[in-house]
Amino acid sequence: METIVLDWLGLVLRWAHIIVGIAWIGSSFYFMWLDSHLEEPTVPDDDVEGQLWMVHSGGFYRVDKIMVAPKIMPKHLHWFKWEAWWTGVTGVLLLAVVYYLGSSAFLIDPDVAAITKLQAVGIGIGTLVVGWLLYDGIYMSGWGNKYTKTSASIGFFGLCVVAYGLSQVLSGRAAYIHVGALIGIIMVLNVWIRIIPGQYNLVNARKNGDEPDPSYGIRAKQRSVHNNYLTLPVVFVMISSHYPMTFGHQHSWAILIVLFIIGALVRHWFNLRNSGSNAIWPVPVAVIAIIMLAGYVSVPGFTGTEKKSLERKVVFSEVRAIIKTRCTTCHSASPTFEGIDKPPMNIKLETEAEIIKHATQIQKTAVATNSMPLGNATKMTKEERLVIGRWISSGMPSK
C-alpha cells in the first residue's frame, strides 16, 4: 500500500512540476525576448526605457518598460514569482518522494560507493545547501560583481566538481538529479531571495515617496540572466532518467557537463538572435558537440577502446539463469524487491518470449550501460553482462 501511495504521489508531483516548470521557463524566454525587442517610445517619455506593440489571439498589446519604478504605482501589479515558487516546491517534494522516501536503489549503487541511505540523503541535501551558499556568496560580494567572467568561470568549475563528486558516491541517476536540483534551487532562490525582494524595495520606495535604489534592478537583472542560461541545462536533467546511455556511462559526470554546455550554447544563440545578431556559430558548435558525444557514448570503437566481448557460444539457458537471479526480483508478475510491487514499465522477464521481446531494452540498460539492475542491487557482474550481450548479438538462439 505504501508503494502505491508513493507511486501516485510521484506521478502527481512530476506532472505538477512539469506544468509549473513550463510556465516559469516560458516566462523567462518571453522576458528575455521582450527586453531585446523594445523600441523607442512613440511618444517621448523620460521614464520609459522602451516600448513594444504586439498582437496575439485577436488582441493588441502595448508594453512599456520603466527601468527603475513608475512615478505613480499602479493599484494592481502582477508579480512573476509563483511559477518559480511552485516549480521549486514540487521539485523538492518530488526529489524527496522518489529518492529519499522511495526505494534505496534509486539513490545508491553499491558498485559506486558503500554508503547507507541516510548518508546518501545527507550528501544530497548538503550539496543543495552548500552549493547555494557558495554561489550566492560569490555574487553578493563586491568581488563577484566586479569580476563577472572570473566569477562565471569559478561557478562552472564548481559545477564540474559537484557533478564529479556526486558521481563517485551516488547512483548515476541520482547524481544527475541532484546536480539538476542544485541548479533548480539556485534558480528558485535567485527569484525569491534576490530578485523579488529587490523589486519589493523598488515598489515600497516609490510608494513612500523615496528615490528607488537602481542597484536592486541591476542585481535582479544579473540573476535573471543567470537563470536564463540555466534553463535548457536543467530541462535536460528533467528528462535524463529516460536515457541510461548518459547517466549509466562510466564517465557520466563529463557527459552531463558537455550536455550542459550544449544547452547553454543553444540558449546563447536564442539570446543573440533576439538581440538582432545574425551570428549562428553556437548552433554548428552545439551540433558538432552532440554528434561527437553521441559517437563517444554509443558507437563501439569510436574512441578506439571497444568493449570486450565473448567469443564462445551462449545458449538461452545461461541467459535465463542470469535474468532470473538478477532481474526478475523486479521484472516479474510478483516482484520481491523492496519498494517494488509491480514490474517497472510493465516489463516482465520470466519467459523466453518476454526476454526476447524486451531484448533491445536489456541491451541498452544492462549491457551497453550499467543502469540496470537499478543501483546494481542484485550485483550483476561484468561477465554476466557480457554473456547477455553475446546472446543478443548472436541472434538470441534457444540452444
Protein backbone atom coordinates (compact mmCIF):
# COMPACT_ATOMS: atom_id res chain seq x y z
CA MET A 1 0.00 0.00 0.00
CA GLU A 2 2.83 2.39 0.88
CA THR A 3 4.46 1.82 -2.52
CA ILE A 4 1.19 2.51 -4.34
CA VAL A 5 0.77 5.79 -2.45
CA LEU A 6 4.34 6.86 -3.27
CA ASP A 7 3.85 5.94 -6.94
CA TRP A 8 0.72 8.06 -7.28
CA LEU A 9 2.22 10.87 -5.26
CA GLY A 10 5.27 10.78 -7.51
CA LEU A 11 3.05 10.87 -10.61
CA VAL A 12 1.05 13.88 -9.38
CA LEU A 13 4.18 15.76 -8.29
CA ARG A 14 6.00 15.03 -11.55
CA TRP A 15 3.01 16.23 -13.57
CA ALA A 16 2.68 19.39 -11.48
CA HIS A 17 6.44 20.01 -11.66
CA ILE A 18 6.37 19.88 -15.46
CA ILE A 19 3.32 22.17 -15.68
CA VAL A 20 4.70 24.93 -13.45
CA GLY A 21 8.18 24.45 -14.93
CA ILE A 22 6.83 25.12 -18.42
CA ALA A 23 5.11 28.26 -17.12
CA TRP A 24 8.30 29.51 -15.47
CA ILE A 25 10.67 28.74 -18.34
CA GLY A 26 8.14 30.17 -20.77
CA SER A 27 8.06 33.48 -18.90
CA SER A 28 11.88 33.50 -18.81
CA PHE A 29 12.04 33.05 -22.59
CA TYR A 30 9.37 35.71 -23.08
CA PHE A 31 11.02 38.43 -20.99
CA MET A 32 14.47 37.85 -22.49
CA TRP A 33 12.86 38.17 -25.91
CA LEU A 34 10.88 41.24 -24.82
CA ASP A 35 13.95 43.05 -23.44
CA SER A 36 15.79 42.62 -26.73
CA HIS A 37 12.86 43.80 -28.90
CA LEU A 38 11.94 47.04 -27.13
CA GLU A 39 11.81 50.11 -29.36
CA GLU A 40 11.90 53.84 -28.79
CA PRO A 41 8.57 55.08 -27.37
CA THR A 42 6.25 56.54 -30.00
CA VAL A 43 5.62 59.43 -27.59
CA PRO A 44 8.88 60.56 -25.90
CA ASP A 45 8.85 59.87 -22.17
CA ASP A 46 11.87 60.20 -19.89
CA ASP A 47 10.61 57.38 -17.63
CA VAL A 48 10.01 54.86 -20.43
CA GLU A 49 13.14 52.99 -21.49
CA GLY A 50 11.47 51.06 -24.29
CA GLN A 51 8.14 50.15 -25.79
CA LEU A 52 6.69 47.34 -27.90
CA TRP A 53 3.40 46.77 -29.67
CA MET A 54 2.27 43.15 -30.07
CA VAL A 55 -0.71 41.25 -31.44
CA HIS A 56 -1.79 37.89 -30.09
CA SER A 57 -5.04 35.88 -30.01
CA GLY A 58 -7.09 38.63 -31.62
CA GLY A 59 -5.91 41.40 -29.29
CA PHE A 60 -3.32 44.17 -29.40
CA TYR A 61 -0.92 44.75 -26.51
CA ARG A 62 1.41 47.62 -25.72
CA VAL A 63 4.25 47.09 -23.25
CA ASP A 64 6.22 49.96 -21.72
CA LYS A 65 9.40 49.22 -19.78
CA ILE A 66 10.27 51.56 -16.91
CA MET A 67 13.76 50.76 -15.70
CA VAL A 68 13.58 51.76 -12.04
CA ALA A 69 9.95 52.35 -10.99
CA PRO A 70 6.97 54.41 -12.20
CA LYS A 71 6.29 57.72 -10.51
CA ILE A 72 2.82 56.53 -9.55
CA MET A 73 2.48 52.87 -8.65
CA PRO A 74 -0.50 51.09 -10.23
CA LYS A 75 -3.22 49.72 -7.99
CA HIS A 76 -2.76 46.19 -9.29
CA LEU A 77 0.73 44.89 -10.06
CA HIS A 78 1.30 41.37 -11.39
CA TRP A 79 4.34 39.57 -9.99
CA PHE A 80 6.07 36.82 -11.96
CA LYS A 81 7.11 34.82 -8.92
CA TRP A 82 4.66 31.99 -8.27
CA GLU A 83 5.85 29.98 -11.28
CA ALA A 84 9.32 29.81 -9.74
CA TRP A 85 7.97 29.11 -6.25
CA TRP A 86 5.81 26.16 -7.28
CA THR A 87 8.47 24.75 -9.59
CA GLY A 88 10.84 24.72 -6.61
CA VAL A 89 8.29 23.28 -4.17
CA THR A 90 7.14 20.48 -6.49
CA GLY A 91 10.75 19.71 -7.44
CA VAL A 92 11.92 19.35 -3.83
CA LEU A 93 8.88 17.23 -2.93
CA LEU A 94 9.44 15.03 -5.99
CA LEU A 95 13.10 14.56 -5.05
CA ALA A 96 12.07 13.55 -1.53
CA VAL A 97 9.31 11.15 -2.62
CA VAL A 98 11.24 9.35 -5.37
CA TYR A 99 14.78 9.35 -4.00
CA TYR A 100 14.57 9.88 -0.23
CA LEU A 101 11.36 8.00 0.64
CA GLY A 102 11.34 5.58 -2.29
CA SER A 103 13.50 2.53 -2.95
CA SER A 104 17.15 2.95 -1.96
CA ALA A 105 18.09 1.51 -5.37
CA PHE A 106 17.24 4.88 -6.94
CA LEU A 107 19.76 6.64 -4.73
CA ILE A 108 22.56 4.18 -4.01
CA ASP A 109 24.72 1.99 -6.22
CA PRO A 110 26.90 -0.42 -4.17
CA ASP A 111 29.34 -0.61 -7.10
CA VAL A 112 29.93 3.14 -6.79
CA ALA A 113 30.15 3.61 -3.00
CA ALA A 114 29.30 1.57 0.09
CA ILE A 115 27.13 4.13 1.88
CA THR A 116 23.83 3.94 3.71
CA LYS A 117 20.63 5.56 2.51
CA LEU A 118 20.80 8.08 5.35
CA GLN A 119 24.32 9.06 4.34
CA ALA A 120 23.22 9.42 0.72
CA VAL A 121 20.31 11.66 1.72
CA GLY A 122 22.68 13.77 3.81
CA ILE A 123 25.07 14.13 0.88
CA GLY A 124 22.22 15.16 -1.39
CA ILE A 125 20.73 17.77 0.94
CA GLY A 126 24.17 19.04 1.95
CA THR A 127 25.10 19.56 -1.70
CA LEU A 128 22.00 21.69 -2.28
CA VAL A 129 22.56 23.85 0.81
CA VAL A 130 26.32 24.37 0.43
CA GLY A 131 26.04 24.85 -3.33
CA TRP A 132 23.56 27.71 -2.95
CA LEU A 133 25.54 29.38 -0.16
CA LEU A 134 28.75 29.35 -2.22
CA TYR A 135 27.05 30.60 -5.39
CA ASP A 136 25.15 33.37 -3.61
CA GLY A 137 28.22 34.35 -1.59
CA ILE A 138 30.26 34.90 -4.75
CA TYR A 139 27.70 37.15 -6.38
CA MET A 140 26.75 39.06 -3.25
CA SER A 141 30.38 40.06 -2.77
CA GLY A 142 31.78 43.13 -4.45
CA TRP A 143 34.47 40.93 -5.98
CA GLY A 144 31.95 38.65 -7.64
CA ASN A 145 30.14 41.55 -9.28
CA LYS A 146 33.34 43.30 -10.35
CA TYR A 147 35.00 40.27 -11.98
CA THR A 148 31.98 38.70 -13.65
CA LYS A 149 33.88 36.49 -16.11
CA THR A 150 36.12 35.11 -13.38
CA SER A 151 33.08 34.51 -11.18
CA ALA A 152 31.33 32.66 -14.01
CA SER A 153 34.43 30.51 -14.55
CA ILE A 154 34.57 29.66 -10.85
CA GLY A 155 30.88 28.80 -10.90
CA PHE A 156 31.32 26.50 -13.89
CA PHE A 157 34.33 24.81 -12.29
CA GLY A 158 32.28 24.33 -9.12
CA LEU A 159 29.52 22.68 -11.14
CA CYS A 160 32.08 20.28 -12.65
CA VAL A 161 33.35 19.41 -9.16
CA VAL A 162 29.82 18.77 -7.90
CA ALA A 163 28.97 16.57 -10.90
CA TYR A 164 32.16 14.55 -10.49
CA GLY A 165 31.88 14.29 -6.72
CA LEU A 166 28.27 13.11 -6.73
CA SER A 167 29.04 10.52 -9.43
CA GLN A 168 31.57 8.99 -7.02
CA VAL A 169 29.10 8.48 -4.17
CA LEU A 170 25.55 8.23 -5.59
CA SER A 171 24.00 6.19 -8.37
CA GLY A 172 24.39 7.74 -11.81
CA ARG A 173 20.73 8.64 -11.99
CA ALA A 174 20.72 10.19 -8.51
CA ALA A 175 23.89 12.16 -9.25
CA TYR A 176 22.26 13.69 -12.33
CA ILE A 177 19.08 14.54 -10.46
CA HIS A 178 20.96 16.22 -7.62
CA VAL A 179 23.05 18.34 -9.99
CA GLY A 180 19.80 19.39 -11.65
CA ALA A 181 18.22 20.01 -8.24
CA LEU A 182 21.15 22.24 -7.27
CA ILE A 183 20.71 24.32 -10.42
CA GLY A 184 16.96 24.43 -9.82
CA ILE A 185 17.46 25.56 -6.21
CA ILE A 186 19.81 28.31 -7.38
CA MET A 187 17.27 29.48 -9.95
CA VAL A 188 14.35 29.45 -7.50
CA LEU A 189 16.25 31.22 -4.72
CA ASN A 190 17.55 33.76 -7.23
CA VAL A 191 13.92 34.70 -7.77
CA TRP A 192 12.69 34.54 -4.18
CA ILE A 193 15.69 35.80 -2.22
CA ARG A 194 17.37 38.22 -4.63
CA ILE A 195 15.02 39.29 -7.44
CA ILE A 196 11.62 39.61 -5.76
CA PRO A 197 12.85 41.33 -2.53
CA GLY A 198 14.75 43.82 -4.67
CA GLN A 199 11.59 44.54 -6.63
CA TYR A 200 9.64 44.97 -3.40
CA ASN A 201 12.18 47.56 -2.29
CA LEU A 202 11.69 49.48 -5.52
CA VAL A 203 7.90 49.38 -5.16
CA ASN A 204 7.95 50.41 -1.49
CA ALA A 205 10.41 53.23 -2.15
CA ARG A 206 8.13 54.71 -4.78
CA LYS A 207 5.04 54.30 -2.58
CA ASN A 208 6.84 56.08 0.30
CA GLY A 209 7.97 58.89 -1.95
CA ASP A 210 11.64 57.90 -1.76
CA GLU A 211 14.06 57.68 -4.66
CA PRO A 212 14.41 53.98 -5.64
CA ASP A 213 17.87 52.45 -5.50
CA PRO A 214 18.73 51.27 -9.06
CA SER A 215 21.20 48.69 -7.71
CA TYR A 216 18.26 46.40 -6.88
CA GLY A 217 17.21 46.36 -10.51
CA ILE A 218 20.77 45.75 -11.68
CA ARG A 219 21.17 42.79 -9.32
CA ALA A 220 17.79 41.38 -10.34
CA LYS A 221 18.78 41.60 -13.99
CA GLN A 222 22.07 39.79 -13.29
CA ARG A 223 20.30 36.89 -11.58
CA SER A 224 17.68 36.77 -14.34
CA VAL A 225 20.44 36.36 -16.93
CA HIS A 226 21.93 33.52 -14.87
CA ASN A 227 18.55 31.81 -14.76
CA ASN A 228 18.14 32.35 -18.48
CA TYR A 229 21.30 30.40 -19.33
CA LEU A 230 20.48 27.63 -16.85
CA THR A 231 17.02 26.85 -18.24
CA LEU A 232 17.96 24.41 -21.02
CA PRO A 233 20.58 22.51 -18.97
CA VAL A 234 18.06 21.95 -16.17
CA VAL A 235 15.42 20.82 -18.68
CA PHE A 236 17.84 18.11 -19.84
CA VAL A 237 18.16 16.82 -16.27
CA MET A 238 14.35 16.62 -16.06
CA ILE A 239 14.34 14.13 -18.94
CA SER A 240 17.70 12.44 -18.30
CA SER A 241 16.27 9.49 -16.35
CA HIS A 242 14.84 8.21 -19.67
CA TYR A 243 18.31 7.97 -21.23
CA PRO A 244 20.55 5.49 -19.39
CA MET A 245 23.30 5.86 -22.00
CA THR A 246 24.06 9.18 -20.29
CA PHE A 247 23.76 8.59 -16.54
CA GLY A 248 24.75 4.93 -16.89
CA HIS A 249 28.05 5.68 -18.64
CA GLN A 250 31.34 5.28 -16.78
CA HIS A 251 32.07 8.97 -17.45
CA SER A 252 28.54 10.14 -16.72
CA TRP A 253 29.63 13.35 -15.00
CA ALA A 254 31.62 14.51 -18.04
CA ILE A 255 28.71 13.70 -20.35
CA LEU A 256 26.45 15.78 -18.12
CA ILE A 257 28.81 18.77 -18.26
CA VAL A 258 29.09 18.56 -22.06
CA LEU A 259 25.30 18.44 -22.39
CA PHE A 260 25.04 21.45 -20.08
CA ILE A 261 27.45 23.37 -22.31
CA ILE A 262 25.42 22.39 -25.39
CA GLY A 263 22.23 23.60 -23.70
CA ALA A 264 23.83 26.92 -22.74
CA LEU A 265 25.15 27.36 -26.29
CA VAL A 266 21.69 26.89 -27.73
CA ARG A 267 20.28 29.38 -25.24
CA HIS A 268 23.05 31.83 -26.17
CA TRP A 269 22.04 31.54 -29.81
CA PHE A 270 18.45 32.42 -28.86
CA ASN A 271 19.74 35.45 -26.97
CA LEU A 272 21.91 36.55 -29.89
CA ARG A 273 19.02 36.13 -32.29
CA ASN A 274 16.67 38.07 -30.03
CA SER A 275 19.18 40.93 -29.83
CA GLY A 276 19.25 41.21 -33.63
CA SER A 277 22.58 39.47 -34.18
CA ASN A 278 22.97 37.19 -37.20
CA ALA A 279 25.70 35.14 -35.52
CA ILE A 280 24.93 31.44 -35.83
CA TRP A 281 28.20 29.94 -34.55
CA PRO A 282 26.63 28.46 -31.36
CA VAL A 283 24.38 26.21 -33.47
CA PRO A 284 27.05 24.36 -35.53
CA VAL A 285 29.26 24.11 -32.44
CA ALA A 286 26.37 22.55 -30.49
CA VAL A 287 25.51 20.18 -33.36
CA ILE A 288 29.12 19.03 -33.76
CA ALA A 289 29.40 18.56 -29.99
CA ILE A 290 26.25 16.44 -29.76
CA ILE A 291 27.36 14.27 -32.71
CA MET A 292 30.78 13.70 -31.17
CA LEU A 293 29.20 12.98 -27.78
CA ALA A 294 26.75 10.50 -29.30
CA GLY A 295 29.63 8.77 -31.04
CA TYR A 296 31.68 8.58 -27.86
CA VAL A 297 28.78 7.24 -25.80
CA SER A 298 27.01 4.93 -28.23
CA VAL A 299 29.28 3.79 -31.09
CA PRO A 300 31.56 0.83 -30.24
CA GLY A 301 35.16 1.54 -31.09
CA PHE A 302 34.53 5.25 -31.72
CA THR A 303 37.28 6.16 -29.28
CA GLY A 304 39.47 3.18 -30.12
CA THR A 305 38.55 1.31 -26.93
CA GLU A 306 35.92 -1.21 -27.95
CA LYS A 307 34.29 -3.15 -25.13
CA LYS A 308 35.32 -6.75 -24.58
CA SER A 309 33.03 -9.42 -25.97
CA LEU A 310 32.73 -13.17 -25.58
CA GLU A 311 33.86 -15.37 -28.43
CA ARG A 312 32.18 -18.56 -27.24
CA LYS A 313 28.61 -19.58 -27.99
CA VAL A 314 25.98 -18.62 -25.43
CA VAL A 315 22.71 -20.52 -25.08
CA PHE A 316 19.44 -19.25 -23.68
CA SER A 317 19.59 -21.36 -20.52
CA GLU A 318 22.62 -19.33 -19.36
CA VAL A 319 20.85 -16.05 -20.05
CA ARG A 320 17.64 -17.16 -18.35
CA ALA A 321 19.58 -18.17 -15.22
CA ILE A 322 21.23 -14.73 -15.05
CA ILE A 323 17.99 -12.84 -15.64
CA LYS A 324 16.11 -14.97 -13.13
CA THR A 325 18.71 -14.17 -10.46
CA ARG A 326 19.43 -10.52 -11.29
CA CYS A 327 16.31 -9.12 -12.96
CA THR A 328 13.09 -10.91 -12.02
CA THR A 329 13.16 -9.65 -8.44
CA CYS A 330 11.58 -6.57 -10.05
CA HIS A 331 10.58 -7.67 -13.55
CA SER A 332 8.09 -10.38 -12.71
CA ALA A 333 4.36 -10.68 -12.12
CA SER A 334 5.02 -10.62 -8.36
CA PRO A 335 8.18 -8.59 -7.62
CA THR A 336 10.05 -9.35 -4.40
CA PHE A 337 12.38 -6.32 -4.39
CA GLU A 338 11.92 -3.77 -1.60
CA GLY A 339 9.66 -0.89 -2.63
CA ILE A 340 8.57 -2.54 -5.91
CA ASP A 341 5.06 -4.02 -6.02
CA LYS A 342 4.63 -4.26 -9.80
CA PRO A 343 7.07 -4.72 -12.70
CA PRO A 344 8.57 -1.35 -13.72
CA MET A 345 7.14 -0.13 -17.05
CA ASN A 346 5.16 -3.41 -17.01
CA ILE A 347 8.24 -5.25 -18.33
CA LYS A 348 8.24 -8.91 -17.24
CA LEU A 349 11.23 -11.15 -17.93
CA GLU A 350 10.02 -14.56 -16.78
CA THR A 351 9.64 -16.41 -20.09
CA GLU A 352 11.78 -16.76 -23.20
CA ALA A 353 9.22 -14.84 -25.24
CA GLU A 354 9.23 -11.94 -22.75
CA ILE A 355 13.02 -11.80 -22.67
CA ILE A 356 13.27 -11.80 -26.48
CA LYS A 357 10.53 -9.16 -26.70
CA HIS A 358 12.48 -6.80 -24.44
CA ALA A 359 15.96 -7.69 -25.69
CA THR A 360 16.56 -4.17 -27.04
CA GLN A 361 15.84 -2.59 -23.64
CA ILE A 362 18.02 -5.20 -21.94
CA GLN A 363 20.88 -4.43 -24.34
CA LYS A 364 20.62 -0.67 -23.67
CA THR A 365 20.30 -0.82 -19.91
CA ALA A 366 22.21 -3.91 -18.78
CA VAL A 367 24.84 -4.45 -21.47
CA ALA A 368 25.69 -1.13 -23.16
CA THR A 369 25.36 0.62 -19.77
CA ASN A 370 25.15 -0.45 -16.14
CA SER A 371 21.93 1.41 -15.36
CA MET A 372 20.10 -1.87 -14.74
CA PRO A 373 19.64 -3.61 -12.39
CA LEU A 374 18.73 -0.42 -10.58
CA GLY A 375 21.66 0.55 -8.39
CA ASN A 376 23.01 -2.92 -9.27
CA ALA A 377 21.20 -4.05 -6.13
CA THR A 378 21.28 -7.69 -7.29
CA LYS A 379 25.02 -7.45 -8.08
CA MET A 380 25.07 -8.40 -11.76
CA THR A 381 28.70 -8.98 -12.75
CA LYS A 382 30.57 -7.74 -15.81
CA GLU A 383 30.89 -11.31 -17.03
CA GLU A 384 27.12 -11.80 -16.82
CA ARG A 385 26.55 -8.64 -18.84
CA LEU A 386 28.95 -9.95 -21.49
CA VAL A 387 27.04 -13.25 -21.63
CA ILE A 388 23.73 -11.46 -22.21
CA GLY A 389 25.30 -9.17 -24.80
CA ARG A 390 26.83 -12.09 -26.69
CA TRP A 391 23.49 -13.94 -26.74
CA ILE A 392 21.65 -10.90 -28.11
CA SER A 393 24.31 -10.10 -30.74
CA SER A 394 24.34 -13.71 -31.97
CA GLY A 395 20.62 -13.69 -32.75
CA MET A 396 19.21 -14.91 -29.40
CA PRO A 397 19.45 -18.69 -30.06
CA SER A 398 17.36 -21.04 -27.93
CA LYS A 399 20.03 -23.75 -27.90
